[in-house]
Amino acid sequence: MTTYYTRRQLIELLEVDEGFLVALEREDVIEGDAPTSSEGEYSERMLERTRVAYNLMQELEVNVPGAAIIVRMREEMADLRHRVEQLLREIEKSRRG
């Protein structure tokens, strides 16, 4: 079950200001992605994207557009890694069969 967070919860959990969230929304790093029946607006995925962007900006002095690119590339790499692992499992399965 996915947990959803309000804007206020995101701000409090990550100790960021609302302007930071607005900047991430402008760069399409985060968006309200909860179903309409949810109490919150943002999924755990958006929480993680916010956390990663904030850490990049604080630790590596990356600007918001740079953090946006890195966050997207990070997710693409994770997706590709998952696909390759899946493909390798299918190849191994076909060799046995």
N, C-alpha and C. Protein backbone atom coordinates (compact mmCIF):
# COMPACT_ATOMS: atom_id res chain seq x y z
N MET A 1 0.84 -1.18 0.00
CA MET A 1 0.00 0.00 0.00
C MET A 1 0.89 1.25 0.00
N THR A 2 0.61 2.14 -0.89
CA THR A 2 1.39 3.37 -1.01
C THR A 2 0.89 4.41 -0.01
N THR A 3 1.82 5.08 0.60
CA THR A 3 1.50 6.18 1.52
C THR A 3 1.54 7.48 0.74
N TYR A 4 0.62 8.37 1.04
CA TYR A 4 0.58 9.68 0.40
C TYR A 4 0.74 10.77 1.46
N TYR A 5 1.38 11.86 1.05
CA TYR A 5 1.71 12.93 1.97
C TYR A 5 1.10 14.25 1.50
N THR A 6 0.73 15.08 2.45
CA THR A 6 0.29 16.43 2.11
C THR A 6 1.53 17.28 1.85
N ARG A 7 1.31 18.43 1.27
CA ARG A 7 2.41 19.38 1.03
C ARG A 7 3.08 19.73 2.35
N ARG A 8 2.27 19.97 3.38
CA ARG A 8 2.80 20.34 4.70
C ARG A 8 3.67 19.20 5.26
N GLN A 9 3.22 17.96 5.10
CA GLN A 9 4.00 16.83 5.59
C GLN A 9 5.34 16.72 4.87
N LEU A 10 5.33 16.93 3.56
CA LEU A 10 6.57 16.91 2.80
C LEU A 10 7.53 17.96 3.33
N ILE A 11 7.04 19.15 3.55
CA ILE A 11 7.86 20.25 4.05
C ILE A 11 8.44 19.90 5.42
N GLU A 12 7.62 19.34 6.30
CA GLU A 12 8.09 19.01 7.64
C GLU A 12 9.04 17.81 7.65
N LEU A 13 8.72 16.77 6.89
CA LEU A 13 9.56 15.58 6.86
C LEU A 13 10.96 15.86 6.31
N LEU A 14 11.02 16.68 5.27
CA LEU A 14 12.29 16.93 4.60
C LEU A 14 12.96 18.24 5.03
N GLU A 15 12.25 18.99 5.86
CA GLU A 15 12.75 20.28 6.35
C GLU A 15 13.14 21.19 5.19
N VAL A 16 12.20 21.35 4.25
CA VAL A 16 12.38 22.25 3.11
C VAL A 16 11.30 23.31 3.17
N ASP A 17 11.45 24.36 2.38
CA ASP A 17 10.41 25.37 2.36
C ASP A 17 9.50 25.16 1.14
N GLU A 18 8.37 25.81 1.18
CA GLU A 18 7.38 25.65 0.12
C GLU A 18 7.91 26.13 -1.22
N GLY A 19 8.73 27.16 -1.21
CA GLY A 19 9.32 27.64 -2.46
C GLY A 19 10.14 26.58 -3.16
N PHE A 20 10.81 25.73 -2.38
CA PHE A 20 11.59 24.64 -2.95
C PHE A 20 10.67 23.66 -3.68
N LEU A 21 9.55 23.31 -3.06
CA LEU A 21 8.58 22.41 -3.70
C LEU A 21 8.02 23.02 -4.97
N VAL A 22 7.73 24.30 -4.93
CA VAL A 22 7.22 24.99 -6.12
C VAL A 22 8.24 24.93 -7.25
N ALA A 23 9.51 25.15 -6.91
CA ALA A 23 10.58 25.09 -7.92
C ALA A 23 10.68 23.69 -8.53
N LEU A 24 10.55 22.65 -7.69
CA LEU A 24 10.59 21.28 -8.19
C LEU A 24 9.38 20.98 -9.08
N GLU A 25 8.24 21.52 -8.71
CA GLU A 25 7.05 21.33 -9.54
C GLU A 25 7.21 22.02 -10.89
N ARG A 26 7.79 23.20 -10.90
CA ARG A 26 8.02 23.93 -12.15
C ARG A 26 8.93 23.15 -13.10
N GLU A 27 9.88 22.43 -12.52
CA GLU A 27 10.84 21.64 -13.31
C GLU A 27 10.33 20.21 -13.56
N ASP A 28 9.10 19.94 -13.18
CA ASP A 28 8.49 18.61 -13.35
C ASP A 28 9.25 17.50 -12.63
N VAL A 29 9.85 17.84 -11.50
CA VAL A 29 10.52 16.83 -10.68
C VAL A 29 9.46 16.13 -9.83
N ILE A 30 8.54 16.90 -9.28
CA ILE A 30 7.45 16.33 -8.49
C ILE A 30 6.13 16.86 -9.00
N GLU A 31 5.09 16.10 -8.68
CA GLU A 31 3.73 16.51 -8.98
C GLU A 31 2.81 15.79 -8.02
N GLY A 32 1.67 16.36 -7.77
CA GLY A 32 0.67 15.68 -6.97
C GLY A 32 0.18 14.48 -7.75
N ASP A 33 0.44 13.29 -7.24
CA ASP A 33 0.12 12.08 -8.00
C ASP A 33 -0.77 11.11 -7.22
N ALA A 34 -1.38 11.60 -6.16
CA ALA A 34 -2.24 10.74 -5.36
C ALA A 34 -3.62 10.63 -6.01
N PRO A 35 -4.26 9.48 -5.80
CA PRO A 35 -5.65 9.37 -6.27
C PRO A 35 -6.53 10.37 -5.53
N THR A 36 -7.61 10.77 -6.12
CA THR A 36 -8.47 11.79 -5.51
C THR A 36 -9.02 11.37 -4.15
N SER A 37 -9.09 10.08 -3.90
CA SER A 37 -9.61 9.60 -2.61
C SER A 37 -8.58 9.66 -1.49
N SER A 38 -7.34 9.99 -1.82
CA SER A 38 -6.27 10.00 -0.83
C SER A 38 -6.30 11.26 0.02
N GLU A 39 -5.80 11.13 1.24
CA GLU A 39 -5.69 12.28 2.14
C GLU A 39 -4.59 13.24 1.72
N GLY A 40 -3.54 12.71 1.10
CA GLY A 40 -2.40 13.53 0.71
C GLY A 40 -2.35 13.74 -0.78
N GLU A 41 -1.34 14.49 -1.21
CA GLU A 41 -1.17 14.80 -2.62
C GLU A 41 -0.02 14.03 -3.26
N TYR A 42 1.01 13.74 -2.47
CA TYR A 42 2.28 13.24 -3.03
C TYR A 42 2.57 11.81 -2.56
N SER A 43 2.99 10.98 -3.51
CA SER A 43 3.33 9.59 -3.20
C SER A 43 4.72 9.50 -2.58
N GLU A 44 5.05 8.30 -2.13
CA GLU A 44 6.39 8.05 -1.60
C GLU A 44 7.44 8.31 -2.67
N ARG A 45 7.10 8.04 -3.92
CA ARG A 45 8.02 8.31 -5.03
C ARG A 45 8.35 9.80 -5.11
N MET A 46 7.34 10.65 -4.94
CA MET A 46 7.57 12.09 -4.98
C MET A 46 8.37 12.55 -3.77
N LEU A 47 8.13 11.91 -2.63
CA LEU A 47 8.92 12.20 -1.43
C LEU A 47 10.38 11.89 -1.70
N GLU A 48 10.65 10.72 -2.29
CA GLU A 48 12.03 10.32 -2.58
C GLU A 48 12.66 11.25 -3.62
N ARG A 49 11.90 11.65 -4.65
CA ARG A 49 12.43 12.57 -5.65
C ARG A 49 12.81 13.90 -5.00
N THR A 50 11.97 14.37 -4.08
CA THR A 50 12.25 15.62 -3.37
C THR A 50 13.51 15.48 -2.53
N ARG A 51 13.62 14.37 -1.84
CA ARG A 51 14.79 14.11 -0.98
C ARG A 51 16.08 14.09 -1.81
N VAL A 52 16.05 13.40 -2.93
CA VAL A 52 17.24 13.30 -3.79
C VAL A 52 17.61 14.68 -4.32
N ALA A 53 16.63 15.42 -4.83
CA ALA A 53 16.90 16.76 -5.36
C ALA A 53 17.49 17.67 -4.28
N TYR A 54 16.93 17.61 -3.09
CA TYR A 54 17.41 18.44 -1.99
C TYR A 54 18.86 18.09 -1.64
N ASN A 55 19.14 16.79 -1.56
CA ASN A 55 20.51 16.36 -1.23
C ASN A 55 21.50 16.79 -2.31
N LEU A 56 21.11 16.67 -3.57
CA LEU A 56 21.98 17.12 -4.66
C LEU A 56 22.30 18.60 -4.53
N MET A 57 21.28 19.37 -4.22
CA MET A 57 21.46 20.81 -4.13
C MET A 57 22.29 21.21 -2.91
N GLN A 58 22.09 20.51 -1.79
CA GLN A 58 22.82 20.85 -0.57
C GLN A 58 24.26 20.34 -0.59
N GLU A 59 24.43 19.10 -1.02
CA GLU A 59 25.76 18.48 -0.92
C GLU A 59 26.65 18.77 -2.12
N LEU A 60 26.06 18.89 -3.30
CA LEU A 60 26.86 19.07 -4.51
C LEU A 60 26.65 20.44 -5.17
N GLU A 61 25.84 21.26 -4.55
CA GLU A 61 25.55 22.61 -5.04
C GLU A 61 25.01 22.61 -6.47
N VAL A 62 24.20 21.59 -6.78
CA VAL A 62 23.53 21.51 -8.08
C VAL A 62 22.33 22.44 -8.04
N ASN A 63 22.03 23.11 -9.17
CA ASN A 63 20.85 23.97 -9.19
C ASN A 63 19.60 23.13 -9.48
N VAL A 64 18.42 23.76 -9.40
CA VAL A 64 17.17 23.02 -9.57
C VAL A 64 17.08 22.33 -10.93
N PRO A 65 17.38 23.01 -12.05
CA PRO A 65 17.31 22.30 -13.34
C PRO A 65 18.28 21.12 -13.42
N GLY A 66 19.46 21.27 -12.85
CA GLY A 66 20.42 20.17 -12.83
C GLY A 66 19.93 19.01 -11.99
N ALA A 67 19.35 19.32 -10.84
CA ALA A 67 18.79 18.28 -9.98
C ALA A 67 17.66 17.55 -10.69
N ALA A 68 16.86 18.30 -11.44
CA ALA A 68 15.75 17.69 -12.19
C ALA A 68 16.27 16.67 -13.19
N ILE A 69 17.31 17.02 -13.91
CA ILE A 69 17.89 16.10 -14.89
C ILE A 69 18.44 14.86 -14.20
N ILE A 70 19.15 15.05 -13.11
CA ILE A 70 19.75 13.93 -12.39
C ILE A 70 18.68 13.00 -11.82
N VAL A 71 17.63 13.58 -11.26
CA VAL A 71 16.55 12.75 -10.70
C VAL A 71 15.92 11.90 -11.79
N ARG A 72 15.65 12.49 -12.94
CA ARG A 72 15.06 11.73 -14.05
C ARG A 72 16.01 10.64 -14.56
N MET A 73 17.28 11.00 -14.72
CA MET A 73 18.27 10.02 -15.20
C MET A 73 18.44 8.88 -14.20
N ARG A 74 18.41 9.19 -12.94
CA ARG A 74 18.53 8.17 -11.89
C ARG A 74 17.39 7.16 -12.00
N GLU A 75 16.18 7.65 -12.21
CA GLU A 75 15.03 6.75 -12.35
C GLU A 75 15.11 5.94 -13.64
N GLU A 76 15.57 6.57 -14.71
CA GLU A 76 15.72 5.85 -15.98
C GLU A 76 16.74 4.73 -15.85
N MET A 77 17.84 5.01 -15.15
CA MET A 77 18.87 3.99 -14.95
C MET A 77 18.32 2.83 -14.11
N ALA A 78 17.56 3.13 -13.08
CA ALA A 78 16.97 2.08 -12.25
C ALA A 78 16.00 1.23 -13.07
N ASP A 79 15.22 1.89 -13.94
CA ASP A 79 14.29 1.17 -14.80
C ASP A 79 15.05 0.27 -15.78
N LEU A 80 16.11 0.80 -16.39
CA LEU A 80 16.92 0.00 -17.31
C LEU A 80 17.57 -1.19 -16.60
N ARG A 81 18.06 -0.97 -15.40
CA ARG A 81 18.67 -2.05 -14.62
C ARG A 81 17.64 -3.14 -14.37
N HIS A 82 16.43 -2.74 -14.03
CA HIS A 82 15.35 -3.70 -13.79
C HIS A 82 15.04 -4.49 -15.06
N ARG A 83 14.98 -3.81 -16.19
CA ARG A 83 14.69 -4.49 -17.46
C ARG A 83 15.80 -5.48 -17.84
N VAL A 84 17.04 -5.09 -17.64
CA VAL A 84 18.16 -5.98 -17.96
C VAL A 84 18.11 -7.21 -17.06
N GLU A 85 17.86 -7.03 -15.78
CA GLU A 85 17.76 -8.16 -14.87
C GLU A 85 16.63 -9.10 -15.28
N GLN A 86 15.51 -8.52 -15.69
CA GLN A 86 14.38 -9.31 -16.15
C GLN A 86 14.75 -10.10 -17.41
N LEU A 87 15.42 -9.44 -18.34
CA LEU A 87 15.84 -10.09 -19.57
C LEU A 87 16.81 -11.24 -19.28
N LEU A 88 17.75 -11.01 -18.36
CA LEU A 88 18.70 -12.06 -17.99
C LEU A 88 17.99 -13.26 -17.36
N ARG A 89 16.97 -13.00 -16.55
CA ARG A 89 16.20 -14.11 -15.97
C ARG A 89 15.48 -14.90 -17.05
N GLU A 90 14.92 -14.19 -18.03
CA GLU A 90 14.22 -14.86 -19.13
C GLU A 90 15.19 -15.70 -19.98
N ILE A 91 16.38 -15.17 -20.23
CA ILE A 91 17.39 -15.91 -20.99
C ILE A 91 17.78 -17.17 -20.22
N GLU A 92 18.04 -17.02 -18.94
CA GLU A 92 18.43 -18.16 -18.11
C GLU A 92 17.31 -19.19 -18.08
N LYS A 93 16.08 -18.76 -17.97
CA LYS A 93 14.94 -19.66 -17.96
C LYS A 93 14.81 -20.42 -19.29
N SER A 94 15.03 -19.74 -20.40
CA SER A 94 14.92 -20.38 -21.72
C SER A 94 16.06 -21.39 -21.94
N ARG A 95 17.22 -21.14 -21.35
CA ARG A 95 18.35 -22.08 -21.46
C ARG A 95 18.06 -23.39 -20.72
N ARG A 96 17.38 -23.23 -19.59
CA ARG A 96 17.05 -24.43 -18.79
C ARG A 96 15.93 -25.23 -19.43
N GLY A 97 15.01 -24.54 -20.10
CA GLY A 97 13.80 -25.16 -20.65
C GLY A 97 14.02 -25.77 -21.95
